[in-house]
Amino acid sequence: MDLKHAAWRKSSYSGSNGGDCVELAGADGSVVAVRDSKDPDGAVLVVTGAALRTAVQAAAKTR
């Protein structure tokens, strides 16, 4: 999957201090690419939108 020209977005809740942030980009229709904002050339996780929603909801419950 070519993500060279992907429009990566960081959460508006992320600070400008370079903290622990992820970036998201829509890719090939129903999937979402996720990467570490501090390592934009590193690994990218590609999941369906539904899988990402489930993961975020599960993480929110553990807070």
N, C-alpha and C. Protein backbone atom coordinates (compact mmCIF):
# COMPACT_ATOMS: atom_id res chain seq x y z
N MET A 1 0.85 -1.17 0.00
CA MET A 1 0.00 0.00 0.00
C MET A 1 0.90 1.23 0.00
N ASP A 2 0.67 2.13 -0.92
CA ASP A 2 1.47 3.34 -1.04
C ASP A 2 0.85 4.46 -0.20
N LEU A 3 1.56 4.89 0.83
CA LEU A 3 1.06 5.95 1.71
C LEU A 3 1.91 7.22 1.61
N LYS A 4 2.72 7.33 0.54
CA LYS A 4 3.60 8.50 0.39
C LYS A 4 2.84 9.81 0.38
N HIS A 5 1.65 9.81 -0.22
CA HIS A 5 0.88 11.04 -0.36
C HIS A 5 -0.36 11.05 0.54
N ALA A 6 -0.35 10.20 1.55
CA ALA A 6 -1.50 10.14 2.47
C ALA A 6 -1.61 11.44 3.26
N ALA A 7 -2.82 11.83 3.55
CA ALA A 7 -3.09 13.02 4.37
C ALA A 7 -3.17 12.59 5.83
N TRP A 8 -2.04 12.65 6.53
CA TRP A 8 -1.99 12.23 7.93
C TRP A 8 -2.58 13.31 8.82
N ARG A 9 -3.36 12.89 9.83
CA ARG A 9 -3.99 13.82 10.78
C ARG A 9 -3.62 13.43 12.20
N LYS A 10 -3.34 14.43 13.01
CA LYS A 10 -3.07 14.21 14.43
C LYS A 10 -4.25 14.77 15.21
N SER A 11 -4.56 14.17 16.31
CA SER A 11 -5.67 14.61 17.14
C SER A 11 -5.50 16.05 17.58
N SER A 12 -6.61 16.77 17.65
CA SER A 12 -6.57 18.15 18.15
C SER A 12 -6.24 18.16 19.64
N TYR A 13 -6.35 17.02 20.31
CA TYR A 13 -6.00 16.92 21.72
C TYR A 13 -4.49 16.77 21.93
N SER A 14 -3.77 16.51 20.85
CA SER A 14 -2.32 16.35 20.94
C SER A 14 -1.66 17.70 21.14
N GLY A 15 -0.70 17.74 22.01
CA GLY A 15 0.03 18.97 22.24
C GLY A 15 1.10 19.19 21.20
N SER A 16 1.75 20.32 21.24
CA SER A 16 2.81 20.62 20.29
C SER A 16 4.18 20.27 20.85
N ASN A 17 4.22 19.58 21.99
CA ASN A 17 5.48 19.27 22.65
C ASN A 17 6.11 17.96 22.18
N GLY A 18 5.54 17.32 21.15
CA GLY A 18 6.11 16.08 20.63
C GLY A 18 5.85 14.89 21.53
N GLY A 19 4.77 14.90 22.27
CA GLY A 19 4.46 13.81 23.19
C GLY A 19 4.02 12.55 22.49
N ASP A 20 3.37 11.67 23.25
CA ASP A 20 2.94 10.38 22.72
C ASP A 20 1.69 10.56 21.87
N CYS A 21 1.87 10.63 20.58
CA CYS A 21 0.74 10.87 19.67
C CYS A 21 0.76 9.87 18.53
N VAL A 22 -0.39 9.59 18.02
CA VAL A 22 -0.50 8.81 16.79
C VAL A 22 -1.12 9.69 15.73
N GLU A 23 -0.88 9.33 14.49
CA GLU A 23 -1.49 10.01 13.36
C GLU A 23 -2.29 8.99 12.57
N LEU A 24 -3.37 9.44 11.97
CA LEU A 24 -4.25 8.58 11.18
C LEU A 24 -4.35 9.11 9.76
N ALA A 25 -4.53 8.19 8.83
CA ALA A 25 -4.78 8.57 7.44
C ALA A 25 -5.74 7.56 6.84
N GLY A 26 -6.72 8.06 6.10
CA GLY A 26 -7.60 7.17 5.37
C GLY A 26 -6.80 6.53 4.24
N ALA A 27 -7.02 5.26 3.99
CA ALA A 27 -6.28 4.56 2.94
C ALA A 27 -7.17 3.53 2.27
N ASP A 28 -7.22 3.56 0.97
CA ASP A 28 -7.96 2.56 0.19
C ASP A 28 -9.38 2.30 0.70
N GLY A 29 -10.15 3.34 0.86
CA GLY A 29 -11.56 3.18 1.19
C GLY A 29 -11.88 2.90 2.63
N SER A 30 -12.00 1.62 3.00
CA SER A 30 -12.52 1.28 4.32
C SER A 30 -11.44 1.01 5.36
N VAL A 31 -10.17 1.25 5.03
CA VAL A 31 -9.11 1.00 6.02
C VAL A 31 -8.47 2.32 6.45
N VAL A 32 -7.86 2.26 7.64
CA VAL A 32 -7.21 3.42 8.24
C VAL A 32 -5.77 3.04 8.53
N ALA A 33 -4.84 3.94 8.20
CA ALA A 33 -3.43 3.73 8.52
C ALA A 33 -3.13 4.50 9.80
N VAL A 34 -2.35 3.89 10.69
CA VAL A 34 -2.01 4.49 11.99
C VAL A 34 -0.49 4.45 12.13
N ARG A 35 0.10 5.58 12.55
CA ARG A 35 1.56 5.61 12.76
C ARG A 35 1.90 6.47 13.96
N ASP A 36 3.10 6.29 14.47
CA ASP A 36 3.64 7.08 15.58
C ASP A 36 4.08 8.42 15.02
N SER A 37 3.56 9.52 15.57
CA SER A 37 3.90 10.84 15.05
C SER A 37 5.38 11.18 15.22
N LYS A 38 6.03 10.55 16.19
CA LYS A 38 7.46 10.81 16.41
C LYS A 38 8.34 10.03 15.45
N ASP A 39 7.77 9.04 14.75
CA ASP A 39 8.53 8.21 13.83
C ASP A 39 7.75 8.03 12.53
N PRO A 40 7.58 9.11 11.77
CA PRO A 40 6.73 9.04 10.57
C PRO A 40 7.24 8.09 9.50
N ASP A 41 8.52 7.73 9.54
CA ASP A 41 9.05 6.79 8.56
C ASP A 41 9.07 5.36 9.09
N GLY A 42 8.55 5.17 10.29
CA GLY A 42 8.54 3.85 10.91
C GLY A 42 7.37 3.00 10.45
N ALA A 43 7.07 2.01 11.24
CA ALA A 43 6.01 1.05 10.91
C ALA A 43 4.64 1.73 10.89
N VAL A 44 3.77 1.20 10.05
CA VAL A 44 2.40 1.68 9.92
C VAL A 44 1.46 0.50 10.14
N LEU A 45 0.47 0.70 10.98
CA LEU A 45 -0.56 -0.31 11.21
C LEU A 45 -1.75 0.04 10.33
N VAL A 46 -2.25 -0.92 9.58
CA VAL A 46 -3.41 -0.69 8.72
C VAL A 46 -4.54 -1.59 9.21
N VAL A 47 -5.66 -0.97 9.58
CA VAL A 47 -6.81 -1.69 10.12
C VAL A 47 -8.09 -1.15 9.51
N THR A 48 -9.16 -1.89 9.64
CA THR A 48 -10.45 -1.38 9.19
C THR A 48 -10.92 -0.29 10.15
N GLY A 49 -11.77 0.57 9.68
CA GLY A 49 -12.33 1.60 10.55
C GLY A 49 -13.06 0.99 11.74
N ALA A 50 -13.77 -0.11 11.51
CA ALA A 50 -14.50 -0.77 12.59
C ALA A 50 -13.54 -1.32 13.65
N ALA A 51 -12.43 -1.91 13.21
CA ALA A 51 -11.45 -2.46 14.16
C ALA A 51 -10.82 -1.34 14.98
N LEU A 52 -10.54 -0.21 14.35
CA LEU A 52 -9.95 0.92 15.07
C LEU A 52 -10.93 1.47 16.12
N ARG A 53 -12.20 1.61 15.73
CA ARG A 53 -13.22 2.07 16.69
C ARG A 53 -13.29 1.14 17.90
N THR A 54 -13.30 -0.16 17.66
CA THR A 54 -13.36 -1.15 18.74
C THR A 54 -12.15 -1.02 19.65
N ALA A 55 -10.96 -0.86 19.08
CA ALA A 55 -9.74 -0.73 19.88
C ALA A 55 -9.77 0.54 20.73
N VAL A 56 -10.20 1.65 20.14
CA VAL A 56 -10.26 2.91 20.88
C VAL A 56 -11.30 2.82 22.01
N GLN A 57 -12.44 2.24 21.73
CA GLN A 57 -13.47 2.09 22.77
C GLN A 57 -12.96 1.20 23.91
N ALA A 58 -12.25 0.13 23.58
CA ALA A 58 -11.72 -0.76 24.62
C ALA A 58 -10.66 -0.04 25.45
N ALA A 59 -9.82 0.74 24.80
CA ALA A 59 -8.78 1.50 25.52
C ALA A 59 -9.42 2.54 26.44
N ALA A 60 -10.48 3.17 25.99
CA ALA A 60 -11.14 4.19 26.81
C ALA A 60 -11.75 3.58 28.08
N LYS A 61 -12.19 2.34 28.01
CA LYS A 61 -12.78 1.68 29.16
C LYS A 61 -11.75 1.35 30.24
N THR A 62 -10.48 1.23 29.84
CA THR A 62 -9.44 0.86 30.79
C THR A 62 -8.84 2.07 31.49
N ARG A 63 -9.23 3.26 31.14
CA ARG A 63 -8.68 4.47 31.74
C ARG A 63 -9.16 4.67 33.10
